[in-house]
Amino acid sequence: MLNNIGLPGLLLIAVVVLVLFGRGKISSLMGEVGKGITAFKRGVKDSSAEIENADETAARDVTPEVEKDKV
């Protein structure tokens, strides 16, 4: 159904949205979308860095050393 919209259909949708919401509302909405995308990218970057740090911590050898005098 949506496979054959084409350029004229997209332009018509854009004009209808512009008429309904106005230029100011659309620009503020796009600004919020941009902020959301930036926050999402930052979250993905932070979580991947946290996962890498967790892997480094888990890979560290934590076995206790045995003292030679007690054995």
PDB file of N, CA and C in Angstrom:
ATOM      1  N   MET A   1       0.828  -1.195   0.000  1.00  0.00           N
ATOM      2  CA  MET A   1       0.000   0.000   0.000  1.00  0.00           C
ATOM      3  C   MET A   1       0.871   1.257   0.000  1.00  0.00           C
ATOM      4  N   LEU A   2       1.867   1.311   0.860  1.00  0.00           N
ATOM      5  CA  LEU A   2       2.705   2.497   0.944  1.00  0.00           C
ATOM      6  C   LEU A   2       3.914   2.420   0.016  1.00  0.00           C
ATOM      7  N   ASN A   3       3.991   1.391  -0.802  1.00  0.00           N
ATOM      8  CA  ASN A   3       5.142   1.226  -1.682  1.00  0.00           C
ATOM      9  C   ASN A   3       5.137   2.206  -2.840  1.00  0.00           C
ATOM     10  N   ASN A   4       4.003   2.748  -3.208  1.00  0.00           N
ATOM     11  CA  ASN A   4       3.927   3.597  -4.399  1.00  0.00           C
ATOM     12  C   ASN A   4       3.489   5.027  -4.084  1.00  0.00           C
ATOM     13  N   ILE A   5       3.952   5.587  -2.965  1.00  0.00           N
ATOM     14  CA  ILE A   5       3.594   6.975  -2.628  1.00  0.00           C
ATOM     15  C   ILE A   5       4.267   7.922  -3.606  1.00  0.00           C
ATOM     16  N   GLY A   6       5.570   7.828  -3.760  1.00  0.00           N
ATOM     17  CA  GLY A   6       6.304   8.657  -4.705  1.00  0.00           C
ATOM     18  C   GLY A   6       6.524  10.073  -4.204  1.00  0.00           C
ATOM     19  N   LEU A   7       7.231  10.845  -4.997  1.00  0.00           N
ATOM     20  CA  LEU A   7       7.571  12.220  -4.640  1.00  0.00           C
ATOM     21  C   LEU A   7       6.349  13.133  -4.565  1.00  0.00           C
ATOM     22  N   PRO A   8       5.408  13.072  -5.505  1.00  0.00           N
ATOM     23  CA  PRO A   8       4.226  13.951  -5.383  1.00  0.00           C
ATOM     24  C   PRO A   8       3.411  13.686  -4.112  1.00  0.00           C
ATOM     25  N   GLY A   9       3.298  12.436  -3.732  1.00  0.00           N
ATOM     26  CA  GLY A   9       2.569  12.098  -2.511  1.00  0.00           C
ATOM     27  C   GLY A   9       3.264  12.627  -1.274  1.00  0.00           C
ATOM     28  N   LEU A  10       4.593  12.508  -1.234  1.00  0.00           N
ATOM     29  CA  LEU A  10       5.340  13.033  -0.098  1.00  0.00           C
ATOM     30  C   LEU A  10       5.239  14.546  -0.013  1.00  0.00           C
ATOM     31  N   LEU A  11       5.285  15.225  -1.154  1.00  0.00           N
ATOM     32  CA  LEU A  11       5.135  16.681  -1.165  1.00  0.00           C
ATOM     33  C   LEU A  11       3.746  17.095  -0.674  1.00  0.00           C
ATOM     34  N   LEU A  12       2.729  16.376  -1.082  1.00  0.00           N
ATOM     35  CA  LEU A  12       1.369  16.671  -0.633  1.00  0.00           C
ATOM     36  C   LEU A  12       1.245  16.487   0.878  1.00  0.00           C
ATOM     37  N   ILE A  13       1.832  15.419   1.399  1.00  0.00           N
ATOM     38  CA  ILE A  13       1.804  15.188   2.847  1.00  0.00           C
ATOM     39  C   ILE A  13       2.534  16.309   3.576  1.00  0.00           C
ATOM     40  N   ALA A  14       3.697  16.731   3.061  1.00  0.00           N
ATOM     41  CA  ALA A  14       4.461  17.804   3.678  1.00  0.00           C
ATOM     42  C   ALA A  14       3.671  19.107   3.700  1.00  0.00           C
ATOM     43  N   VAL A  15       2.962  19.416   2.615  1.00  0.00           N
ATOM     44  CA  VAL A  15       2.167  20.646   2.552  1.00  0.00           C
ATOM     45  C   VAL A  15       1.012  20.591   3.542  1.00  0.00           C
ATOM     46  N   VAL A  16       0.359  19.451   3.643  1.00  0.00           N
ATOM     47  CA  VAL A  16      -0.763  19.310   4.576  1.00  0.00           C
ATOM     48  C   VAL A  16      -0.279  19.464   6.016  1.00  0.00           C
ATOM     49  N   VAL A  17       0.861  18.856   6.345  1.00  0.00           N
ATOM     50  CA  VAL A  17       1.412  18.982   7.693  1.00  0.00           C
ATOM     51  C   VAL A  17       1.782  20.432   7.979  1.00  0.00           C
ATOM     52  N   LEU A  18       2.378  21.106   7.001  1.00  0.00           N
ATOM     53  CA  LEU A  18       2.757  22.503   7.175  1.00  0.00           C
ATOM     54  C   LEU A  18       1.532  23.381   7.404  1.00  0.00           C
ATOM     55  N   VAL A  19       0.467  23.132   6.683  1.00  0.00           N
ATOM     56  CA  VAL A  19      -0.757  23.920   6.838  1.00  0.00           C
ATOM     57  C   VAL A  19      -1.394  23.656   8.202  1.00  0.00           C
ATOM     58  N   LEU A  20      -1.414  22.396   8.630  1.00  0.00           N
ATOM     59  CA  LEU A  20      -2.060  22.044   9.889  1.00  0.00           C
ATOM     60  C   LEU A  20      -1.307  22.571  11.103  1.00  0.00           C
ATOM     61  N   PHE A  21       0.004  22.449  11.107  1.00  0.00           N
ATOM     62  CA  PHE A  21       0.768  22.771  12.311  1.00  0.00           C
ATOM     63  C   PHE A  21       1.460  24.125  12.254  1.00  0.00           C
ATOM     64  N   GLY A  22       1.764  24.618  11.099  1.00  0.00           N
ATOM     65  CA  GLY A  22       2.457  25.897  10.991  1.00  0.00           C
ATOM     66  C   GLY A  22       3.965  25.720  11.047  1.00  0.00           C
ATOM     67  N   ARG A  23       4.666  26.715  10.521  1.00  0.00           N
ATOM     68  CA  ARG A  23       6.110  26.628  10.394  1.00  0.00           C
ATOM     69  C   ARG A  23       6.805  26.618  11.761  1.00  0.00           C
ATOM     70  N   GLY A  24       6.348  27.430  12.693  1.00  0.00           N
ATOM     71  CA  GLY A  24       6.982  27.511  14.007  1.00  0.00           C
ATOM     72  C   GLY A  24       6.882  26.222  14.790  1.00  0.00           C
ATOM     73  N   LYS A  25       5.730  25.602  14.760  1.00  0.00           N
ATOM     74  CA  LYS A  25       5.521  24.353  15.494  1.00  0.00           C
ATOM     75  C   LYS A  25       6.370  23.234  14.909  1.00  0.00           C
ATOM     76  N   ILE A  26       6.478  23.183  13.594  1.00  0.00           N
ATOM     77  CA  ILE A  26       7.261  22.136  12.942  1.00  0.00           C
ATOM     78  C   ILE A  26       8.742  22.322  13.243  1.00  0.00           C
ATOM     79  N   SER A  27       9.240  23.560  13.221  1.00  0.00           N
ATOM     80  CA  SER A  27      10.657  23.781  13.500  1.00  0.00           C
ATOM     81  C   SER A  27      10.993  23.432  14.941  1.00  0.00           C
ATOM     82  N   SER A  28      10.111  23.749  15.879  1.00  0.00           N
ATOM     83  CA  SER A  28      10.376  23.385  17.273  1.00  0.00           C
ATOM     84  C   SER A  28      10.296  21.862  17.456  1.00  0.00           C
ATOM     85  N   LEU A  29       9.402  21.221  16.744  1.00  0.00           N
ATOM     86  CA  LEU A  29       9.292  19.767  16.804  1.00  0.00           C
ATOM     87  C   LEU A  29      10.548  19.106  16.257  1.00  0.00           C
ATOM     88  N   MET A  30      11.081  19.614  15.155  1.00  0.00           N
ATOM     89  CA  MET A  30      12.310  19.061  14.577  1.00  0.00           C
ATOM     90  C   MET A  30      13.500  19.292  15.507  1.00  0.00           C
ATOM     91  N   GLY A  31      13.508  20.410  16.220  1.00  0.00           N
ATOM     92  CA  GLY A  31      14.559  20.658  17.206  1.00  0.00           C
ATOM     93  C   GLY A  31      14.523  19.634  18.328  1.00  0.00           C
ATOM     94  N   GLU A  32      13.329  19.304  18.785  1.00  0.00           N
ATOM     95  CA  GLU A  32      13.184  18.300  19.833  1.00  0.00           C
ATOM     96  C   GLU A  32      13.587  16.918  19.323  1.00  0.00           C
ATOM     97  N   VAL A  33      13.263  16.612  18.082  1.00  0.00           N
ATOM     98  CA  VAL A  33      13.670  15.332  17.497  1.00  0.00           C
ATOM     99  C   VAL A  33      15.197  15.262  17.439  1.00  0.00           C
ATOM    100  N   GLY A  34      15.842  16.338  17.050  1.00  0.00           N
ATOM    101  CA  GLY A  34      17.300  16.382  17.004  1.00  0.00           C
ATOM    102  C   GLY A  34      17.919  16.185  18.377  1.00  0.00           C
ATOM    103  N   LYS A  35      17.343  16.819  19.398  1.00  0.00           N
ATOM    104  CA  LYS A  35      17.845  16.637  20.760  1.00  0.00           C
ATOM    105  C   LYS A  35      17.663  15.191  21.217  1.00  0.00           C
ATOM    106  N   GLY A  36      16.562  14.593  20.850  1.00  0.00           N
ATOM    107  CA  GLY A  36      16.320  13.194  21.214  1.00  0.00           C
ATOM    108  C   GLY A  36      17.314  12.255  20.552  1.00  0.00           C
ATOM    109  N   ILE A  37      17.615  12.492  19.287  1.00  0.00           N
ATOM    110  CA  ILE A  37      18.587  11.658  18.580  1.00  0.00           C
ATOM    111  C   ILE A  37      19.967  11.817  19.211  1.00  0.00           C
ATOM    112  N   THR A  38      20.339  13.052  19.557  1.00  0.00           N
ATOM    113  CA  THR A  38      21.631  13.293  20.195  1.00  0.00           C
ATOM    114  C   THR A  38      21.716  12.588  21.544  1.00  0.00           C
ATOM    115  N   ALA A  39      20.661  12.658  22.336  1.00  0.00           N
ATOM    116  CA  ALA A  39      20.648  11.997  23.637  1.00  0.00           C
ATOM    117  C   ALA A  39      20.721  10.480  23.475  1.00  0.00           C
ATOM    118  N   PHE A  40      20.054   9.941  22.468  1.00  0.00           N
ATOM    119  CA  PHE A  40      20.093   8.500  22.214  1.00  0.00           C
ATOM    120  C   PHE A  40      21.503   8.058  21.843  1.00  0.00           C
ATOM    121  N   LYS A  41      22.158   8.810  20.959  1.00  0.00           N
ATOM    122  CA  LYS A  41      23.526   8.470  20.559  1.00  0.00           C
ATOM    123  C   LYS A  41      24.471   8.541  21.749  1.00  0.00           C
ATOM    124  N   ARG A  42      24.312   9.558  22.597  1.00  0.00           N
ATOM    125  CA  ARG A  42      25.154   9.690  23.781  1.00  0.00           C
ATOM    126  C   ARG A  42      24.931   8.510  24.723  1.00  0.00           C
ATOM    127  N   GLY A  43      23.692   8.090  24.891  1.00  0.00           N
ATOM    128  CA  GLY A  43      23.393   6.947  25.755  1.00  0.00           C
ATOM    129  C   GLY A  43      23.991   5.657  25.229  1.00  0.00           C
ATOM    130  N   VAL A  44      23.922   5.451  23.924  1.00  0.00           N
ATOM    131  CA  VAL A  44      24.504   4.250  23.332  1.00  0.00           C
ATOM    132  C   VAL A  44      26.017   4.265  23.514  1.00  0.00           C
ATOM    133  N   LYS A  45      26.635   5.416  23.308  1.00  0.00           N
ATOM    134  CA  LYS A  45      28.091   5.541  23.468  1.00  0.00           C
ATOM    135  C   LYS A  45      28.496   5.282  24.911  1.00  0.00           C
ATOM    136  N   ASP A  46      27.772   5.861  25.866  1.00  0.00           N
ATOM    137  CA  ASP A  46      28.092   5.667  27.276  1.00  0.00           C
ATOM    138  C   ASP A  46      27.910   4.213  27.701  1.00  0.00           C
ATOM    139  N   SER A  47      26.846   3.578  27.235  1.00  0.00           N
ATOM    140  CA  SER A  47      26.608   2.193  27.631  1.00  0.00           C
ATOM    141  C   SER A  47      27.636   1.257  27.011  1.00  0.00           C
ATOM    142  N   SER A  48      28.062   1.524  25.778  1.00  0.00           N
ATOM    143  CA  SER A  48      29.085   0.669  25.180  1.00  0.00           C
ATOM    144  C   SER A  48      30.417   0.840  25.898  1.00  0.00           C
ATOM    145  N   ALA A  49      30.739   2.066  26.333  1.00  0.00           N
ATOM    146  CA  ALA A  49      31.958   2.289  27.102  1.00  0.00           C
ATOM    147  C   ALA A  49      31.867   1.584  28.457  1.00  0.00           C
ATOM    148  N   GLU A  50      30.701   1.592  29.063  1.00  0.00           N
ATOM    149  CA  GLU A  50      30.514   0.921  30.342  1.00  0.00           C
ATOM    150  C   GLU A  50      30.651  -0.588  30.192  1.00  0.00           C
ATOM    151  N   ILE A  51      30.142  -1.140  29.115  1.00  0.00           N
ATOM    152  CA  ILE A  51      30.268  -2.577  28.863  1.00  0.00           C
ATOM    153  C   ILE A  51      31.727  -2.952  28.646  1.00  0.00           C
ATOM    154  N   GLU A  52      32.466  -2.135  27.902  1.00  0.00           N
ATOM    155  CA  GLU A  52      33.887  -2.409  27.680  1.00  0.00           C
ATOM    156  C   GLU A  52      34.657  -2.361  28.989  1.00  0.00           C
ATOM    157  N   ASN A  53      34.351  -1.395  29.851  1.00  0.00           N
ATOM    158  CA  ASN A  53      35.024  -1.308  31.144  1.00  0.00           C
ATOM    159  C   ASN A  53      34.673  -2.499  32.028  1.00  0.00           C
ATOM    160  N   ALA A  54      33.450  -2.982  31.960  1.00  0.00           N
ATOM    161  CA  ALA A  54      33.041  -4.145  32.742  1.00  0.00           C
ATOM    162  C   ALA A  54      33.774  -5.384  32.267  1.00  0.00           C
ATOM    163  N   ASP A  55      33.984  -5.517  30.962  1.00  0.00           N
ATOM    164  CA  ASP A  55      34.720  -6.656  30.424  1.00  0.00           C
ATOM    165  C   ASP A  55      36.164  -6.635  30.899  1.00  0.00           C
ATOM    166  N   GLU A  56      36.781  -5.466  30.948  1.00  0.00           N
ATOM    167  CA  GLU A  56      38.153  -5.359  31.420  1.00  0.00           C
ATOM    168  C   GLU A  56      38.248  -5.721  32.900  1.00  0.00           C
ATOM    169  N   THR A  57      37.275  -5.311  33.678  1.00  0.00           N
ATOM    170  CA  THR A  57      37.271  -5.620  35.102  1.00  0.00           C
ATOM    171  C   THR A  57      37.039  -7.109  35.334  1.00  0.00           C
ATOM    172  N   ALA A  58      36.156  -7.717  34.558  1.00  0.00           N
ATOM    173  CA  ALA A  58      35.850  -9.132  34.721  1.00  0.00           C
ATOM    174  C   ALA A  58      37.020 -10.003  34.264  1.00  0.00           C
ATOM    175  N   ALA A  59      37.803  -9.553  33.328  1.00  0.00           N
ATOM    176  CA  ALA A  59      38.902 -10.349  32.796  1.00  0.00           C
ATOM    177  C   ALA A  59      40.126 -10.319  33.707  1.00  0.00           C
ATOM    178  N   ARG A  60      40.131  -9.484  34.688  1.00  0.00           N
ATOM    179  CA  ARG A  60      41.264  -9.365  35.594  1.00  0.00           C
ATOM    180  C   ARG A  60      41.354 -10.601  36.480  1.00  0.00           C
ATOM    181  N   ASP A  61      42.573 -11.082  36.750  1.00  0.00           N
ATOM    182  CA  ASP A  61      42.783 -12.255  37.587  1.00  0.00           C
ATOM    183  C   ASP A  61      42.647 -11.853  39.053  1.00  0.00           C
ATOM    184  N   VAL A  62      41.694 -12.449  39.759  1.00  0.00           N
ATOM    185  CA  VAL A  62      41.434 -12.084  41.148  1.00  0.00           C
ATOM    186  C   VAL A  62      41.644 -13.258  42.094  1.00  0.00           C
ATOM    187  N   THR A  63      42.368 -14.271  41.659  1.00  0.00           N
ATOM    188  CA  THR A  63      42.604 -15.406  42.541  1.00  0.00           C
ATOM    189  C   THR A  63      43.565 -14.979  43.654  1.00  0.00           C
ATOM    190  N   PRO A  64      43.296 -15.406  44.866  1.00  0.00           N
ATOM    191  CA  PRO A  64      44.169 -15.010  45.972  1.00  0.00           C
ATOM    192  C   PRO A  64      45.523 -15.712  45.890  1.00  0.00           C
ATOM    193  N   GLU A  65      46.540 -14.993  46.287  1.00  0.00           N
ATOM    194  CA  GLU A  65      47.866 -15.584  46.280  1.00  0.00           C
ATOM    195  C   GLU A  65      48.051 -16.420  47.538  1.00  0.00           C
ATOM    196  N   VAL A  66      48.654 -17.577  47.377  1.00  0.00           N
ATOM    197  CA  VAL A  66      48.889 -18.478  48.494  1.00  0.00           C
ATOM    198  C   VAL A  66      50.288 -18.170  49.041  1.00  0.00           C
ATOM    199  N   GLU A  67      50.356 -17.978  50.347  1.00  0.00           N
ATOM    200  CA  GLU A  67      51.641 -17.706  50.974  1.00  0.00           C
ATOM    201  C   GLU A  67      52.429 -19.006  51.103  1.00  0.00           C
ATOM    202  N   LYS A  68      53.712 -18.967  50.810  1.00  0.00           N
ATOM    203  CA  LYS A  68      54.549 -20.162  50.823  1.00  0.00           C
ATOM    204  C   LYS A  68      54.815 -20.663  52.240  1.00  0.00           C
ATOM    205  N   ASP A  69      54.776 -19.791  53.231  1.00  0.00           N
ATOM    206  CA  ASP A  69      55.063 -20.182  54.606  1.00  0.00           C
ATOM    207  C   ASP A  69      53.958 -21.066  55.189  1.00  0.00           C
ATOM    208  N   LYS A  70      52.714 -20.832  54.821  1.00  0.00           N
ATOM    209  CA  LYS A  70      51.594 -21.569  55.386  1.00  0.00           C
ATOM    210  C   LYS A  70      51.384 -22.910  54.716  1.00  0.00           C
ATOM    211  N   VAL A  71      51.891 -23.103  53.536  1.00  0.00           N
ATOM    212  CA  VAL A  71      51.656 -24.359  52.813  1.00  0.00           C
ATOM    213  C   VAL A  71      52.631 -25.399  53.136  1.00  0.00           C
TER     214      VAL A  71
END
